[in-house]
Amino acid sequence: MTRRVGDIYRITVNRSEYAYAQHLTNDSTQLSSNVVFVFGKKLRANEEFRLEQASRSEGFFAHVFLKAGETLKIWQRVAWSPPFISEPIPVLWSKCADKDRQLESTENWLVWRTNEERRAPSNREELTNSELGMVMNPTQILERIEHASYSIKYPRRAWRQT
């Protein structure tokens, strides 16, 4: 099945609840992964998802491989609509150096906007307000829907004073 920007996916949270996500774009800066917006409001099986009632303040952006979630039967494509959020995607991504992944804290961070070059953060606020930019496993998307955070070990964002 071909995945297209605008596809809407129903995410099975548990037997009676679903969440929804929309494929917004692909990010060549991060493994050409799919960028999605996951709508934060969970719905019961008998409730209908309405894109026009969705709110950007009730959700999060993430990098994923949509095919992986389909293969694991975590989500399925259910509809298509023009993207809820148009480009440029209004999120700043951040990622620490791979060698620092197991540290408690690191100052070694890069930030970027979708499909743009990575760079050092300009200030503490920029780093603090960024969204974790690594490609997430579909099970991590479920974790964040359920618990408002990812369950992976990842260092805190320390800021280097210059």
N, C-alpha and C. Protein backbone atom coordinates (compact mmCIF):
# COMPACT_ATOMS: atom_id res chain seq x y z
N MET A 1 0.84 -1.18 0.00
CA MET A 1 0.00 0.00 0.00
C MET A 1 0.89 1.24 0.00
N THR A 2 0.56 2.21 -0.80
CA THR A 2 1.30 3.45 -0.86
C THR A 2 0.87 4.39 0.25
N ARG A 3 1.84 4.94 0.95
CA ARG A 3 1.54 5.92 1.99
C ARG A 3 1.66 7.30 1.39
N ARG A 4 0.65 8.14 1.66
CA ARG A 4 0.64 9.49 1.09
C ARG A 4 0.51 10.53 2.20
N VAL A 5 1.11 11.68 1.95
CA VAL A 5 0.90 12.81 2.85
C VAL A 5 -0.60 13.08 2.89
N GLY A 6 -1.15 13.22 4.09
CA GLY A 6 -2.58 13.42 4.28
C GLY A 6 -3.30 12.19 4.79
N ASP A 7 -2.66 11.03 4.68
CA ASP A 7 -3.29 9.81 5.20
C ASP A 7 -3.56 9.95 6.69
N ILE A 8 -4.70 9.43 7.11
CA ILE A 8 -5.07 9.44 8.52
C ILE A 8 -5.07 8.00 9.01
N TYR A 9 -4.46 7.80 10.18
CA TYR A 9 -4.30 6.47 10.75
C TYR A 9 -5.04 6.37 12.08
N ARG A 10 -5.74 5.26 12.26
CA ARG A 10 -6.36 4.96 13.55
C ARG A 10 -5.38 4.10 14.32
N ILE A 11 -5.06 4.55 15.54
CA ILE A 11 -4.09 3.87 16.39
C ILE A 11 -4.85 3.12 17.48
N THR A 12 -4.64 1.85 17.56
CA THR A 12 -5.29 1.05 18.60
C THR A 12 -4.54 1.23 19.91
N VAL A 13 -5.17 1.93 20.86
CA VAL A 13 -4.55 2.16 22.16
C VAL A 13 -4.83 0.98 23.08
N ASN A 14 -6.07 0.53 23.13
CA ASN A 14 -6.46 -0.67 23.87
C ASN A 14 -7.75 -1.18 23.23
N ARG A 15 -8.39 -2.14 23.82
CA ARG A 15 -9.58 -2.76 23.21
C ARG A 15 -10.73 -1.78 22.95
N SER A 16 -10.79 -0.71 23.74
CA SER A 16 -11.94 0.18 23.61
C SER A 16 -11.59 1.62 23.23
N GLU A 17 -10.29 1.94 23.08
CA GLU A 17 -9.91 3.31 22.77
C GLU A 17 -8.98 3.37 21.57
N TYR A 18 -9.15 4.46 20.82
CA TYR A 18 -8.32 4.72 19.65
C TYR A 18 -7.82 6.15 19.69
N ALA A 19 -6.67 6.36 19.07
CA ALA A 19 -6.16 7.71 18.83
C ALA A 19 -5.97 7.80 17.31
N TYR A 20 -5.70 8.98 16.84
CA TYR A 20 -5.54 9.18 15.40
C TYR A 20 -4.29 10.00 15.13
N ALA A 21 -3.71 9.78 13.96
CA ALA A 21 -2.53 10.53 13.53
C ALA A 21 -2.68 10.84 12.05
N GLN A 22 -2.05 11.93 11.64
CA GLN A 22 -2.05 12.26 10.22
C GLN A 22 -0.60 12.40 9.73
N HIS A 23 -0.34 11.81 8.58
CA HIS A 23 0.97 11.90 7.92
C HIS A 23 1.07 13.29 7.30
N LEU A 24 2.02 14.11 7.79
CA LEU A 24 2.13 15.50 7.33
C LEU A 24 3.17 15.69 6.25
N THR A 25 4.29 14.99 6.36
CA THR A 25 5.38 15.14 5.39
C THR A 25 6.41 14.06 5.67
N ASN A 26 7.50 14.09 4.95
CA ASN A 26 8.64 13.21 5.20
C ASN A 26 9.84 14.10 5.48
N ASP A 27 10.75 13.66 6.33
CA ASP A 27 11.89 14.48 6.72
C ASP A 27 13.18 13.86 6.20
N SER A 28 13.74 14.46 5.16
CA SER A 28 14.99 13.96 4.59
C SER A 28 16.16 14.13 5.55
N THR A 29 16.02 15.02 6.51
CA THR A 29 17.08 15.23 7.50
C THR A 29 17.15 14.07 8.49
N GLN A 30 16.05 13.36 8.68
CA GLN A 30 16.00 12.28 9.67
C GLN A 30 15.57 10.98 8.98
N LEU A 31 16.48 10.40 8.22
CA LEU A 31 16.29 9.09 7.58
C LEU A 31 15.10 9.03 6.63
N SER A 32 14.69 10.18 6.10
CA SER A 32 13.50 10.26 5.23
C SER A 32 12.28 9.62 5.89
N SER A 33 12.22 9.76 7.21
CA SER A 33 11.11 9.18 7.97
C SER A 33 9.84 10.00 7.76
N ASN A 34 8.73 9.40 8.14
CA ASN A 34 7.43 10.07 8.06
C ASN A 34 7.26 10.97 9.28
N VAL A 35 6.78 12.17 9.06
CA VAL A 35 6.45 13.08 10.15
C VAL A 35 4.94 13.06 10.30
N VAL A 36 4.50 12.77 11.52
CA VAL A 36 3.06 12.69 11.80
C VAL A 36 2.70 13.66 12.92
N PHE A 37 1.44 14.02 12.94
CA PHE A 37 0.87 14.70 14.10
C PHE A 37 -0.09 13.71 14.72
N VAL A 38 0.14 13.39 16.00
CA VAL A 38 -0.71 12.46 16.72
C VAL A 38 -1.69 13.29 17.54
N PHE A 39 -2.96 13.12 17.25
CA PHE A 39 -4.00 13.86 17.96
C PHE A 39 -4.13 13.29 19.36
N GLY A 40 -4.11 14.14 20.36
CA GLY A 40 -4.03 13.71 21.74
C GLY A 40 -5.29 13.14 22.34
N LYS A 41 -6.43 13.47 21.77
CA LYS A 41 -7.68 13.01 22.36
C LYS A 41 -7.96 11.56 21.94
N LYS A 42 -8.14 10.70 22.95
CA LYS A 42 -8.50 9.30 22.67
C LYS A 42 -10.01 9.21 22.52
N LEU A 43 -10.44 8.36 21.61
CA LEU A 43 -11.87 8.17 21.36
C LEU A 43 -12.26 6.73 21.64
N ARG A 44 -13.48 6.54 22.05
CA ARG A 44 -14.04 5.20 22.23
C ARG A 44 -14.33 4.61 20.85
N ALA A 45 -14.46 3.32 20.80
CA ALA A 45 -14.68 2.62 19.53
C ALA A 45 -15.93 3.11 18.81
N ASN A 46 -16.94 3.55 19.55
CA ASN A 46 -18.19 3.99 18.91
C ASN A 46 -18.19 5.49 18.56
N GLU A 47 -17.11 6.21 18.87
CA GLU A 47 -17.02 7.63 18.54
C GLU A 47 -16.33 7.81 17.19
N GLU A 48 -16.77 8.80 16.45
CA GLU A 48 -16.20 9.07 15.13
C GLU A 48 -15.15 10.18 15.22
N PHE A 49 -14.01 9.96 14.58
CA PHE A 49 -12.97 10.98 14.52
C PHE A 49 -13.35 12.03 13.49
N ARG A 50 -13.27 13.29 13.89
CA ARG A 50 -13.57 14.41 12.98
C ARG A 50 -12.36 15.35 12.95
N LEU A 51 -11.69 15.37 11.83
CA LEU A 51 -10.49 16.18 11.68
C LEU A 51 -10.79 17.65 11.94
N GLU A 52 -11.94 18.13 11.52
CA GLU A 52 -12.27 19.54 11.69
C GLU A 52 -12.45 19.95 13.15
N GLN A 53 -12.60 18.99 14.05
CA GLN A 53 -12.73 19.29 15.47
C GLN A 53 -11.40 19.11 16.22
N ALA A 54 -10.37 18.71 15.51
CA ALA A 54 -9.07 18.44 16.15
C ALA A 54 -8.38 19.75 16.50
N SER A 55 -7.52 19.66 17.51
CA SER A 55 -6.78 20.83 17.98
C SER A 55 -5.29 20.54 18.02
N ARG A 56 -4.49 21.49 17.57
CA ARG A 56 -3.05 21.31 17.58
C ARG A 56 -2.49 21.32 19.00
N SER A 57 -3.22 21.93 19.92
CA SER A 57 -2.74 21.99 21.30
C SER A 57 -2.95 20.65 22.03
N GLU A 58 -3.69 19.74 21.42
CA GLU A 58 -3.96 18.43 22.03
C GLU A 58 -3.28 17.31 21.28
N GLY A 59 -1.98 17.43 21.08
CA GLY A 59 -1.29 16.38 20.36
C GLY A 59 0.19 16.64 20.31
N PHE A 60 0.89 15.84 19.50
CA PHE A 60 2.34 15.98 19.38
C PHE A 60 2.81 15.53 18.00
N PHE A 61 3.98 16.02 17.63
CA PHE A 61 4.63 15.66 16.38
C PHE A 61 5.62 14.54 16.66
N ALA A 62 5.83 13.68 15.68
CA ALA A 62 6.81 12.60 15.84
C ALA A 62 7.32 12.14 14.48
N HIS A 63 8.53 11.61 14.50
CA HIS A 63 9.09 10.90 13.34
C HIS A 63 8.79 9.42 13.55
N VAL A 64 8.26 8.76 12.54
CA VAL A 64 7.99 7.33 12.60
C VAL A 64 8.18 6.74 11.21
N PHE A 65 8.17 5.43 11.14
CA PHE A 65 8.03 4.75 9.87
C PHE A 65 6.63 4.14 9.90
N LEU A 66 5.72 4.73 9.14
CA LEU A 66 4.32 4.30 9.16
C LEU A 66 4.17 2.83 8.82
N LYS A 67 4.98 2.35 7.90
CA LYS A 67 4.88 0.95 7.51
C LYS A 67 5.12 0.02 8.71
N ALA A 68 6.04 0.40 9.60
CA ALA A 68 6.32 -0.43 10.78
C ALA A 68 5.08 -0.56 11.66
N GLY A 69 4.37 0.53 11.88
CA GLY A 69 3.15 0.49 12.68
C GLY A 69 2.05 -0.32 12.03
N GLU A 70 1.98 -0.28 10.70
CA GLU A 70 1.00 -1.10 9.98
C GLU A 70 1.35 -2.59 10.11
N THR A 71 2.64 -2.89 9.95
CA THR A 71 3.10 -4.28 10.04
C THR A 71 2.82 -4.85 11.43
N LEU A 72 3.04 -4.04 12.47
CA LEU A 72 2.80 -4.48 13.85
C LEU A 72 1.32 -4.40 14.24
N LYS A 73 0.50 -3.92 13.33
CA LYS A 73 -0.95 -3.77 13.57
C LYS A 73 -1.25 -2.83 14.73
N ILE A 74 -0.40 -1.81 14.88
CA ILE A 74 -0.62 -0.78 15.89
C ILE A 74 -1.54 0.29 15.32
N TRP A 75 -1.40 0.56 14.03
CA TRP A 75 -2.31 1.50 13.38
C TRP A 75 -2.65 1.02 11.99
N GLN A 76 -3.72 1.61 11.47
CA GLN A 76 -4.14 1.30 10.10
C GLN A 76 -4.65 2.57 9.45
N ARG A 77 -4.42 2.66 8.16
CA ARG A 77 -4.89 3.81 7.39
C ARG A 77 -6.41 3.72 7.28
N VAL A 78 -7.10 4.83 7.60
CA VAL A 78 -8.55 4.81 7.57
C VAL A 78 -9.15 5.89 6.68
N ALA A 79 -8.36 6.90 6.31
CA ALA A 79 -8.92 7.99 5.50
C ALA A 79 -7.78 8.83 4.93
N TRP A 80 -8.16 9.80 4.15
CA TRP A 80 -7.22 10.79 3.63
C TRP A 80 -7.90 12.15 3.70
N SER A 81 -7.12 13.16 4.01
CA SER A 81 -7.60 14.54 4.02
C SER A 81 -6.40 15.44 3.79
N PRO A 82 -6.60 16.63 3.23
CA PRO A 82 -5.46 17.53 3.12
C PRO A 82 -4.82 17.69 4.51
N PRO A 83 -3.50 17.82 4.57
CA PRO A 83 -2.83 17.88 5.87
C PRO A 83 -3.44 18.93 6.81
N PHE A 84 -3.65 18.51 8.04
CA PHE A 84 -4.19 19.33 9.12
C PHE A 84 -3.28 20.53 9.39
N ILE A 85 -1.98 20.31 9.25
CA ILE A 85 -0.97 21.34 9.45
C ILE A 85 -0.13 21.38 8.17
N SER A 86 -0.04 22.53 7.57
CA SER A 86 0.68 22.62 6.31
C SER A 86 2.15 22.97 6.54
N GLU A 87 2.93 22.75 5.50
CA GLU A 87 4.36 23.04 5.59
C GLU A 87 4.56 24.55 5.50
N PRO A 88 5.57 25.12 6.14
CA PRO A 88 6.56 24.38 6.92
C PRO A 88 5.97 23.90 8.25
N ILE A 89 6.35 22.71 8.64
CA ILE A 89 5.86 22.12 9.88
C ILE A 89 6.39 22.95 11.05
N PRO A 90 5.50 23.42 11.93
CA PRO A 90 5.92 24.34 12.99
C PRO A 90 6.51 23.65 14.22
N VAL A 91 7.56 22.90 14.00
CA VAL A 91 8.21 22.23 15.13
C VAL A 91 9.72 22.27 14.91
N LEU A 92 10.43 22.46 15.99
CA LEU A 92 11.88 22.38 15.98
C LEU A 92 12.24 21.05 16.62
N TRP A 93 13.03 20.25 15.92
CA TRP A 93 13.43 18.93 16.39
C TRP A 93 14.78 19.02 17.08
N SER A 94 15.06 18.10 17.98
CA SER A 94 16.39 18.03 18.60
C SER A 94 16.80 16.57 18.76
N LYS A 95 18.11 16.39 18.75
CA LYS A 95 18.67 15.05 18.89
C LYS A 95 20.07 15.20 19.46
N CYS A 96 20.41 14.35 20.41
CA CYS A 96 21.77 14.38 20.95
C CYS A 96 22.65 13.45 20.11
N ALA A 97 23.93 13.58 20.32
CA ALA A 97 24.88 12.72 19.62
C ALA A 97 24.65 11.27 20.06
N ASP A 98 24.76 10.35 19.13
CA ASP A 98 24.53 8.93 19.45
C ASP A 98 25.43 8.45 20.58
N LYS A 99 26.66 8.94 20.66
CA LYS A 99 27.60 8.52 21.71
C LYS A 99 27.15 8.96 23.09
N ASP A 100 26.23 9.93 23.17
CA ASP A 100 25.75 10.46 24.45
C ASP A 100 24.41 9.86 24.89
N ARG A 101 23.86 8.95 24.12
CA ARG A 101 22.50 8.44 24.36
C ARG A 101 22.30 7.82 25.75
N GLN A 102 23.32 7.25 26.34
CA GLN A 102 23.17 6.59 27.63
C GLN A 102 23.52 7.48 28.82
N LEU A 103 23.89 8.72 28.57
CA LEU A 103 24.23 9.65 29.65
C LEU A 103 22.96 10.17 30.32
N GLU A 104 23.10 10.64 31.55
CA GLU A 104 21.96 11.27 32.25
C GLU A 104 21.64 12.63 31.64
N SER A 105 22.69 13.34 31.22
CA SER A 105 22.54 14.69 30.70
C SER A 105 23.66 14.94 29.71
N THR A 106 23.39 15.76 28.69
CA THR A 106 24.43 16.11 27.73
C THR A 106 24.19 17.51 27.19
N GLU A 107 25.29 18.15 26.83
CA GLU A 107 25.22 19.47 26.18
C GLU A 107 25.36 19.33 24.67
N ASN A 108 25.56 18.11 24.21
CA ASN A 108 25.88 17.83 22.81
C ASN A 108 24.59 17.58 22.01
N TRP A 109 23.89 18.66 21.65
CA TRP A 109 22.61 18.57 20.94
C TRP A 109 22.66 19.28 19.60
N LEU A 110 21.85 18.80 18.68
CA LEU A 110 21.63 19.48 17.41
C LEU A 110 20.13 19.70 17.26
N VAL A 111 19.75 20.77 16.59
CA VAL A 111 18.35 21.06 16.32
C VAL A 111 18.17 21.28 14.83
N TRP A 112 16.94 21.11 14.35
CA TRP A 112 16.65 21.36 12.95
C TRP A 112 15.14 21.50 12.75
N ARG A 113 14.79 22.07 11.65
CA ARG A 113 13.41 22.09 11.19
C ARG A 113 13.30 21.02 10.10
N THR A 114 12.12 20.52 9.88
CA THR A 114 11.90 19.45 8.92
C THR A 114 12.53 19.80 7.56
N ASN A 115 13.34 18.87 7.06
CA ASN A 115 14.02 18.97 5.77
C ASN A 115 15.04 20.11 5.69
N GLU A 116 15.56 20.53 6.84
CA GLU A 116 16.61 21.55 6.86
C GLU A 116 17.86 20.98 7.53
N GLU A 117 18.97 21.68 7.37
CA GLU A 117 20.24 21.26 7.97
C GLU A 117 20.18 21.28 9.49
N ARG A 118 20.88 20.36 10.10
CA ARG A 118 21.01 20.36 11.56
C ARG A 118 22.03 21.42 11.95
N ARG A 119 21.85 21.96 13.17
CA ARG A 119 22.75 22.99 13.67
C ARG A 119 22.74 22.97 15.20
N ALA A 120 23.69 23.64 15.79
CA ALA A 120 23.71 23.77 17.25
C ALA A 120 22.57 24.70 17.66
N PRO A 121 21.95 24.46 18.80
CA PRO A 121 20.88 25.35 19.24
C PRO A 121 21.42 26.75 19.53
N SER A 122 20.61 27.77 19.23
CA SER A 122 21.02 29.16 19.43
C SER A 122 20.95 29.58 20.89
N ASN A 123 19.99 29.01 21.63
CA ASN A 123 19.81 29.41 23.02
C ASN A 123 19.12 28.29 23.78
N ARG A 124 19.06 28.45 25.08
CA ARG A 124 18.46 27.43 25.95
C ARG A 124 16.98 27.21 25.62
N GLU A 125 16.25 28.29 25.39
CA GLU A 125 14.82 28.19 25.11
C GLU A 125 14.56 27.36 23.85
N GLU A 126 15.36 27.59 22.84
CA GLU A 126 15.21 26.83 21.59
C GLU A 126 15.37 25.34 21.85
N LEU A 127 16.35 24.98 22.64
CA LEU A 127 16.58 23.57 22.96
C LEU A 127 15.45 23.02 23.84
N THR A 128 15.06 23.77 24.84
CA THR A 128 14.02 23.34 25.78
C THR A 128 12.68 23.12 25.09
N ASN A 129 12.34 23.97 24.12
CA ASN A 129 11.05 23.88 23.45
C ASN A 129 11.03 22.95 22.25
N SER A 130 12.13 22.28 21.99
CA SER A 130 12.19 21.39 20.82
C SER A 130 11.54 20.04 21.13
N GLU A 131 11.15 19.37 20.08
CA GLU A 131 10.54 18.03 20.16
C GLU A 131 11.63 17.01 19.86
N LEU A 132 11.67 15.93 20.60
CA LEU A 132 12.66 14.89 20.37
C LEU A 132 12.54 14.39 18.93
N GLY A 133 13.63 14.46 18.18
CA GLY A 133 13.58 14.23 16.74
C GLY A 133 14.00 12.86 16.25
N MET A 134 14.30 11.94 17.15
CA MET A 134 14.67 10.62 16.66
C MET A 134 13.45 9.87 16.12
N VAL A 135 13.68 8.92 15.24
CA VAL A 135 12.59 8.14 14.68
C VAL A 135 12.11 7.17 15.76
N MET A 136 10.83 7.28 16.08
CA MET A 136 10.27 6.50 17.18
C MET A 136 9.72 5.16 16.70
N ASN A 137 9.89 4.17 17.52
CA ASN A 137 9.27 2.87 17.31
C ASN A 137 7.76 3.07 17.52
N PRO A 138 6.91 2.41 16.76
CA PRO A 138 5.46 2.57 16.96
C PRO A 138 5.01 2.32 18.40
N THR A 139 5.67 1.42 19.12
CA THR A 139 5.27 1.19 20.51
C THR A 139 5.56 2.40 21.38
N GLN A 140 6.56 3.19 21.02
CA GLN A 140 6.85 4.42 21.76
C GLN A 140 5.77 5.48 21.52
N ILE A 141 5.20 5.48 20.33
CA ILE A 141 4.09 6.40 20.06
C ILE A 141 2.92 6.04 20.99
N LEU A 142 2.65 4.75 21.13
CA LEU A 142 1.60 4.31 22.07
C LEU A 142 1.92 4.75 23.50
N GLU A 143 3.17 4.60 23.92
CA GLU A 143 3.57 5.02 25.26
C GLU A 143 3.28 6.51 25.47
N ARG A 144 3.62 7.31 24.48
CA ARG A 144 3.41 8.75 24.65
C ARG A 144 1.92 9.09 24.65
N ILE A 145 1.12 8.41 23.87
CA ILE A 145 -0.33 8.63 23.91
C ILE A 145 -0.86 8.32 25.30
N GLU A 146 -0.44 7.21 25.86
CA GLU A 146 -0.94 6.76 27.16
C GLU A 146 -0.39 7.55 28.35
N HIS A 147 0.91 7.94 28.28
CA HIS A 147 1.57 8.49 29.46
C HIS A 147 2.15 9.89 29.27
N ALA A 148 1.92 10.50 28.11
CA ALA A 148 2.38 11.86 27.80
C ALA A 148 3.90 12.00 27.69
N SER A 149 4.61 10.87 27.68
CA SER A 149 6.06 10.93 27.48
C SER A 149 6.52 9.59 26.91
N TYR A 150 7.70 9.61 26.31
CA TYR A 150 8.28 8.38 25.81
C TYR A 150 8.91 7.61 26.97
N SER A 151 8.93 6.30 26.90
CA SER A 151 9.51 5.50 27.97
C SER A 151 10.98 5.16 27.72
N ILE A 152 11.54 5.65 26.62
CA ILE A 152 12.96 5.36 26.33
C ILE A 152 13.87 6.17 27.24
N LYS A 153 15.05 5.63 27.48
CA LYS A 153 16.06 6.38 28.23
C LYS A 153 16.72 7.34 27.26
N TYR A 154 16.72 8.61 27.64
CA TYR A 154 17.31 9.63 26.79
C TYR A 154 17.84 10.73 27.69
N PRO A 155 18.98 11.32 27.37
CA PRO A 155 19.57 12.30 28.28
C PRO A 155 18.74 13.60 28.38
N ARG A 156 18.87 14.25 29.54
CA ARG A 156 18.26 15.57 29.70
C ARG A 156 19.02 16.56 28.83
N ARG A 157 18.34 17.62 28.47
CA ARG A 157 18.94 18.64 27.63
C ARG A 157 19.68 19.66 28.49
N ALA A 158 20.97 19.50 28.59
CA ALA A 158 21.79 20.46 29.33
C ALA A 158 22.21 21.58 28.38
N TRP A 159 22.36 22.75 28.92
CA TRP A 159 22.74 23.89 28.10
C TRP A 159 24.16 24.31 28.43
N ARG A 160 24.95 24.47 27.41
CA ARG A 160 26.34 24.89 27.57
C ARG A 160 26.40 26.40 27.65
N GLN A 161 26.90 26.91 28.76
CA GLN A 161 27.09 28.37 28.91
C GLN A 161 28.34 28.77 28.17
N THR A 162 28.23 29.80 27.34
CA THR A 162 29.42 30.27 26.60
C THR A 162 29.82 31.65 27.01
